[in-house]
Protein backbone atom coordinates (compact mmCIF):
# COMPACT_ATOMS: atom_id res chain seq x y z
CA UNK A 1 6.93 -21.22 4.33
CA UNK A 2 4.20 -19.61 2.92
CA UNK A 3 2.77 -20.36 -0.42
CA UNK A 4 1.46 -18.33 -3.19
CA UNK A 5 -0.17 -19.34 -6.45
CA UNK A 6 -1.67 -17.69 -9.70
CA UNK A 7 -2.63 -18.08 -12.88
CA UNK A 8 -1.62 -14.94 -15.50
CA UNK A 9 -4.32 -13.00 -16.74
CA UNK A 10 -4.17 -10.85 -19.62
CA UNK A 11 -2.64 -7.80 -17.76
CA UNK A 12 0.28 -10.02 -17.20
CA UNK A 13 0.89 -11.14 -21.11
CA UNK A 14 4.61 -10.39 -21.73
CA UNK A 15 5.44 -9.04 -18.57
CA UNK A 16 8.87 -9.74 -16.77
CA UNK A 17 8.52 -12.54 -14.45
CA UNK A 18 10.40 -10.63 -11.64
CA UNK A 19 8.41 -7.18 -12.29
CA UNK A 20 5.32 -8.97 -12.38
CA UNK A 21 5.88 -10.54 -9.11
CA UNK A 22 7.24 -7.31 -7.40
CA UNK A 23 3.95 -5.43 -8.26
CA UNK A 24 2.09 -8.27 -7.21
CA UNK A 25 3.70 -8.51 -3.54
CA UNK A 26 4.80 -4.86 -2.70
CA UNK A 27 6.29 -5.52 0.42
CA UNK A 28 9.40 -7.87 -1.02
CA UNK A 29 11.91 -6.30 -2.90
CA UNK A 30 13.46 -6.22 -6.50
CA UNK A 31 16.10 -7.64 -5.61
CA UNK A 32 14.82 -10.56 -3.04
CA UNK A 33 12.65 -11.46 -5.57
CA UNK A 34 15.45 -12.21 -8.38
CA UNK A 35 16.97 -13.74 -5.14
CA UNK A 36 14.25 -16.23 -5.00
CA UNK A 37 13.67 -16.63 -8.66
CA UNK A 38 17.60 -17.75 -9.07
CA UNK A 39 16.89 -19.98 -6.05
CA UNK A 40 14.08 -21.88 -7.91
CA UNK A 41 11.93 -20.80 -5.21
CA UNK A 42 9.66 -19.61 -8.50
CA UNK A 43 7.94 -21.88 -11.02
CA UNK A 44 6.23 -21.03 -13.89
CA UNK A 45 4.28 -24.39 -15.03
CA UNK A 46 5.86 -26.41 -12.58
CA UNK A 47 9.84 -25.20 -14.18
CA UNK A 48 11.95 -22.48 -12.83
CA UNK A 49 12.52 -19.51 -15.32
CA UNK A 50 15.01 -16.68 -15.22
CA UNK A 51 13.64 -13.46 -13.65
CA UNK A 52 13.46 -11.85 -17.65
CA UNK A 53 11.20 -14.78 -18.37
CA UNK A 54 8.01 -13.32 -20.47
CA UNK A 55 5.23 -14.45 -19.29
CA UNK A 56 2.10 -15.76 -21.32
CA UNK A 57 -1.14 -15.67 -20.71
CA UNK A 58 -2.82 -19.09 -18.65
CA UNK A 59 1.03 -19.33 -17.16
CA UNK A 60 0.84 -21.13 -13.49
CA UNK A 61 3.01 -19.21 -11.08
CA UNK A 62 4.02 -21.19 -7.64
CA UNK A 63 5.67 -19.04 -5.66
CA UNK A 64 7.20 -20.58 -2.14
CA UNK A 65 8.17 -17.41 -0.36
CA UNK A 66 11.16 -18.38 2.52
CA UNK A 67 9.80 -18.49 6.18
CA UNK A 68 10.85 -14.86 7.30
CA UNK A 69 13.32 -15.27 10.55
CA UNK A 70 12.43 -12.32 12.74
CA UNK A 71 16.16 -10.33 12.73
CA UNK A 72 17.51 -8.24 15.11
CA UNK A 73 15.58 -4.44 13.94
CA UNK A 74 18.69 -1.85 13.73
CA UNK A 75 17.71 2.03 14.73
CA UNK A 76 18.61 3.88 11.57
CA UNK A 77 19.21 7.49 11.31
CA UNK A 78 16.77 8.14 8.20
CA UNK A 79 15.33 11.86 8.03
CA UNK A 80 11.55 11.57 8.68
CA UNK A 81 8.97 14.45 7.61
CA UNK A 82 6.95 14.54 10.93
CA UNK A 83 3.66 16.02 10.62
CA UNK A 84 3.09 15.64 14.53
CA UNK A 85 4.80 14.13 17.36
CA UNK A 86 3.77 14.24 21.36
CA UNK A 87 4.63 12.06 24.13
CA UNK A 88 1.83 9.44 22.75
CA UNK A 89 1.93 9.27 19.01
CA UNK A 90 3.97 10.25 16.35
CA UNK A 91 2.05 11.37 12.79
CA UNK A 92 4.96 11.00 9.44
CA UNK A 93 4.69 12.12 5.62
CA UNK A 94 6.21 8.64 4.40
CA UNK A 95 7.83 9.11 1.22
CA UNK A 96 6.97 6.76 -1.89
CA UNK A 97 9.19 3.86 -1.95
CA UNK A 98 9.57 3.36 2.22
CA UNK A 99 8.05 -0.05 3.53
CA UNK A 100 6.32 0.55 6.46
CA UNK A 101 7.93 -2.34 8.64
CA UNK A 102 11.18 -4.93 7.67
CA UNK A 103 9.82 -7.84 5.79
CA UNK A 104 11.91 -10.36 3.71
CA UNK A 105 13.70 -8.48 1.39
CA UNK A 106 13.83 -5.42 3.70
CA UNK A 107 15.50 -5.76 6.73
CA UNK A 108 16.61 -1.96 6.72
CA UNK A 109 15.60 1.71 5.32
CA UNK A 110 12.28 1.30 6.76
CA UNK A 111 9.51 3.44 8.38
CA UNK A 112 10.39 1.17 11.51
CA UNK A 113 13.77 1.49 11.10
CA UNK A 114 13.81 5.18 11.33
CA UNK A 115 11.08 5.59 14.12
CA UNK A 116 13.52 3.27 16.31
CA UNK A 117 16.01 5.73 15.76
CA UNK A 118 13.87 8.59 16.06
CA UNK A 119 11.74 7.97 19.12
CA UNK A 120 14.84 5.99 20.86
CA UNK A 121 13.39 2.56 20.65
CA UNK A 122 10.12 4.07 22.59
CA UNK A 123 7.37 2.64 20.69
CA UNK A 124 4.72 0.33 21.56
CA UNK A 125 5.31 -3.31 21.75
CA UNK A 126 1.79 -4.74 20.71
CA UNK A 127 2.63 -6.05 17.28
CA UNK A 128 5.77 -7.35 17.94
CA UNK A 129 9.43 -6.96 17.21
CA UNK A 130 9.14 -6.24 13.62
CA UNK A 131 6.47 -3.77 13.85
CA UNK A 132 7.30 -1.39 17.05
CA UNK A 133 4.71 1.21 17.20
CA UNK A 134 2.79 0.45 14.11
CA UNK A 135 -0.80 0.23 14.01
CA UNK A 136 -1.86 0.58 10.23
CA UNK A 137 0.17 0.71 7.13
CA UNK A 138 0.04 2.33 3.76
CA UNK A 139 1.93 0.31 0.69
CA UNK A 140 5.15 0.68 -0.14
CA UNK A 141 4.60 3.30 -3.29
CA UNK A 142 1.82 5.27 -1.64
CA UNK A 143 2.58 8.46 -0.17
CA UNK A 144 1.70 10.40 2.90
CA UNK A 145 0.18 10.71 6.58
CA UNK A 146 0.57 7.43 8.78
CA UNK A 147 0.27 7.09 12.71
CA UNK A 148 2.78 5.45 15.05
CA UNK A 149 2.65 4.95 18.81
CA UNK A 150 4.82 5.19 21.58
CA UNK A 151 3.36 2.97 23.71
CA UNK A 152 0.50 0.54 24.43
CA UNK A 153 -1.75 2.65 26.04
CA UNK A 154 -1.88 4.89 22.95
CA UNK A 155 -1.98 2.04 20.66
CA UNK A 156 -4.90 0.40 22.05
CA UNK A 157 -6.71 3.23 21.92
CA UNK A 158 -5.94 4.29 18.09
CA UNK A 159 -6.47 0.35 17.06
CA UNK A 160 -9.74 0.83 18.71
CA UNK A 161 -10.61 3.91 16.63
CA UNK A 162 -9.62 2.00 13.42
CA UNK A 163 -11.95 -0.59 13.99
CA UNK A 164 -14.93 1.71 15.21
CA UNK A 165 -13.91 3.15 11.65
CA UNK A 166 -13.80 6.79 13.46
CA UNK A 167 -10.35 7.87 12.01
CA UNK A 168 -10.46 10.29 9.20
CA UNK A 169 -8.56 9.05 6.50
CA UNK A 170 -8.86 10.97 3.02
CA UNK A 171 -6.57 10.34 0.11
CA UNK A 172 -5.63 11.70 -3.04
CA UNK A 173 -5.18 9.75 -6.26
CA UNK A 174 -5.30 10.14 -9.99
CA UNK A 175 -7.53 7.80 -11.81
CA UNK A 176 -7.67 6.38 -15.72
CA UNK A 177 -10.57 7.79 -17.11
CA UNK A 178 -13.30 10.32 -15.98
CA UNK A 179 -16.21 9.18 -14.10
CA UNK A 180 -19.50 10.54 -14.67
CA UNK A 181 -20.89 11.51 -11.08
CA UNK A 182 -19.09 14.13 -9.07
CA UNK A 183 -19.24 11.68 -6.35
CA UNK A 184 -20.28 8.42 -5.46
CA UNK A 185 -19.64 5.45 -3.00
CA UNK A 186 -17.78 2.20 -3.82
CA UNK A 187 -19.37 -0.51 -1.59
CA UNK A 188 -18.08 -4.20 -2.06
CA UNK A 189 -16.39 -6.82 0.07
CA UNK A 190 -12.68 -7.21 -0.54
CA UNK A 191 -10.48 -10.02 -0.40
CA UNK A 192 -7.93 -12.63 -1.66
CA UNK A 193 -8.92 -12.89 -5.06
CA UNK A 194 -9.46 -16.67 -5.67
CA UNK A 195 -7.99 -16.87 -9.21
CA UNK A 196 -4.99 -15.06 -8.12
CA UNK A 197 -3.87 -15.35 -4.76
CA UNK A 198 -1.10 -12.68 -4.70
CA UNK A 199 -4.01 -9.93 -5.45
CA UNK A 200 -7.16 -8.80 -3.82
CA UNK A 201 -10.83 -8.29 -5.03
CA UNK A 202 -14.23 -7.06 -4.82
CA UNK A 203 -17.53 -9.50 -3.97
CA UNK A 204 -15.25 -12.59 -2.91
CA UNK A 205 -15.85 -15.26 -0.72
CA UNK A 206 -14.36 -14.58 2.74
CA UNK A 207 -14.26 -10.84 1.86
CA UNK A 208 -14.52 -7.87 4.56
CA UNK A 209 -17.03 -5.53 3.95
CA UNK A 210 -15.54 -2.18 2.67
CA UNK A 211 -16.73 1.49 1.93
CA UNK A 212 -14.99 4.13 0.00
CA UNK A 213 -16.53 7.64 -0.92
CA UNK A 214 -14.94 9.35 -3.73
CA UNK A 215 -15.49 13.06 -5.38
CA UNK A 216 -13.66 14.17 -8.41
CA UNK A 217 -11.64 17.18 -8.06
CA UNK A 218 -10.85 17.99 -11.13
CA UNK A 219 -11.24 16.76 -14.76
CA UNK A 220 -8.76 16.17 -17.84
CA UNK A 221 -8.85 14.46 -20.81
CA UNK A 222 -8.66 10.76 -19.88
CA UNK A 223 -7.81 11.27 -16.03
CA UNK A 224 -9.35 12.53 -13.27
CA UNK A 225 -8.05 13.83 -10.20
CA UNK A 226 -10.01 12.34 -6.99
CA UNK A 227 -10.30 12.76 -3.43
CA UNK A 228 -11.40 9.15 -1.48
CA UNK A 229 -12.71 8.76 1.85
CA UNK A 230 -12.00 5.88 3.40
CA UNK A 231 -14.79 4.14 5.92
CA UNK A 232 -12.77 0.68 6.16
CA UNK A 233 -9.32 0.22 5.74
CA UNK A 234 -8.93 -3.26 3.79
CA UNK A 235 -5.71 -3.91 2.06
CA UNK A 236 -5.63 -1.80 -1.04
CA UNK A 237 -8.98 -0.60 -0.56
CA UNK A 238 -9.01 2.17 -3.00
CA UNK A 239 -7.18 0.75 -5.70
CA UNK A 240 -9.57 -2.32 -5.97
CA UNK A 241 -12.52 -0.52 -5.50
CA UNK A 242 -11.46 2.24 -7.98
CA UNK A 243 -10.70 -0.54 -10.36
CA UNK A 244 -13.80 -2.65 -9.81
CA UNK A 245 -15.86 0.82 -11.29
CA UNK A 246 -13.80 1.35 -14.28
CA UNK A 247 -11.27 3.90 -13.01
CA UNK A 248 -7.99 2.68 -11.51
CA UNK A 249 -5.14 4.39 -10.13
CA UNK A 250 -2.92 5.63 -12.47
CA UNK A 251 0.60 4.04 -12.08
CA UNK A 252 -0.79 0.84 -10.84
CA UNK A 253 0.56 -2.11 -12.15
CA UNK A 254 -1.16 -4.70 -10.11
CA UNK A 255 -4.72 -3.67 -11.06
CA UNK A 256 -4.57 -1.42 -13.92
CA UNK A 257 -6.06 -4.35 -15.79
CA UNK A 258 -3.29 -3.81 -18.44
CA UNK A 259 -3.15 -0.41 -19.10
CA UNK A 260 0.29 1.06 -20.37
CA UNK A 261 1.10 4.62 -18.22
CA UNK A 262 2.12 7.42 -20.59
CA UNK A 263 4.20 9.01 -17.80
CA UNK A 264 7.10 7.44 -15.42
CA UNK A 265 6.25 6.77 -12.32
CA UNK A 266 7.25 4.37 -10.12
CA UNK A 267 3.93 2.85 -8.44
CA UNK A 268 0.20 4.24 -8.44
CA UNK A 269 -0.60 7.82 -7.64
CA UNK A 270 -2.34 7.72 -4.67
CA UNK A 271 -1.25 9.77 -1.39
CA UNK A 272 -3.22 9.87 2.14
CA UNK A 273 -3.52 13.49 2.84
CA UNK A 274 -5.70 13.85 5.69
CA UNK A 275 -5.44 11.79 9.13
CA UNK A 276 -7.44 12.67 11.82
CA UNK A 277 -8.06 10.99 15.52
CA UNK A 278 -8.88 11.46 19.17
CA UNK A 279 -5.61 11.91 21.07
CA UNK A 280 -5.12 8.75 23.46
CA UNK A 281 -4.23 10.77 26.28
CA UNK A 282 -6.83 14.00 26.02
CA UNK A 283 -9.29 12.99 23.62
CA UNK A 284 -8.81 15.86 21.57
CA UNK A 285 -9.24 15.76 17.92
CA UNK A 286 -6.31 15.98 15.83
CA UNK A 287 -6.21 16.20 12.39
CA UNK A 288 -3.04 16.34 9.67
CA UNK A 289 -2.46 17.03 6.72
CA UNK A 290 0.53 15.50 4.26
CA UNK A 291 1.04 18.12 1.50
CA UNK A 292 1.16 16.24 -2.06
CA UNK A 293 4.68 14.91 -3.11
CA UNK A 294 6.46 16.85 -5.71
CA UNK A 295 5.80 14.42 -8.27
CA UNK A 296 2.28 14.36 -7.44
CA UNK A 297 1.80 18.27 -8.16
CA UNK A 298 3.77 17.83 -10.91
CA UNK A 299 1.91 15.45 -13.03
CA UNK A 300 -1.02 17.74 -11.75
CA UNK A 301 0.73 20.19 -13.98
CA UNK A 302 1.10 18.37 -16.98
CA UNK A 303 -2.41 16.96 -17.07
CA UNK A 304 -3.43 20.70 -16.71
């Protein structure tokens, strides 16, 4: 059984217990978290509380997450926005709210369920039955391009490119505030936050090197539209790095430092737009672009 503990900071003050955990653990569904709270798997200051309990600064959260039982992952006829596909790989444009692979509270409706149906089960098996074909992932509320592999040879090739940092990954985001410089680089290790094990942080013991390059595309009143290019791919890297320089991603409840979002959003405004890689069979360079989702375009129009 996996255990997480955390102490509530200013950004969590007066937040609902279930909503705070949902933001801190995006792989878990809200309904699953509420069930865990009801089953007393979540304690606040050593005592069970209801899902609607309002957190206070310095509250101690202890969450005993039940061990995941590997279910039989069933193919599901879920429409996919396919950006590129051949006998070795498939690149899809993942929508907001879709989890990449099954996890507690998300046994169906995931990208893996959809890929199993579309690819008739022909996916690489290197990452096991819960993550067939999955080489990398993006957060539930991050949209955009994601590559999956149909055989182990392709999986090994793409994984090697990821490890060597030779895959092109360019994201679009809207951030709080306007950076003074037109472009910049954020360097700093990313690892588990020792003060809050549910979050990531920069320059912490045991963190892994991470590099994010950003360019300001448009400036608005109080916000900026930026492009981020990743050299590395650490968990929550863009969200953590941009927050570390005072420009968290708009709508990010985890790293937004308590800033109130004036727009109706579900999660952060972050989109994996461009993905480029060497084809595992031909070594040809392939680059695909995922168009901005409608909500993102609409928000840019409002800001303009």
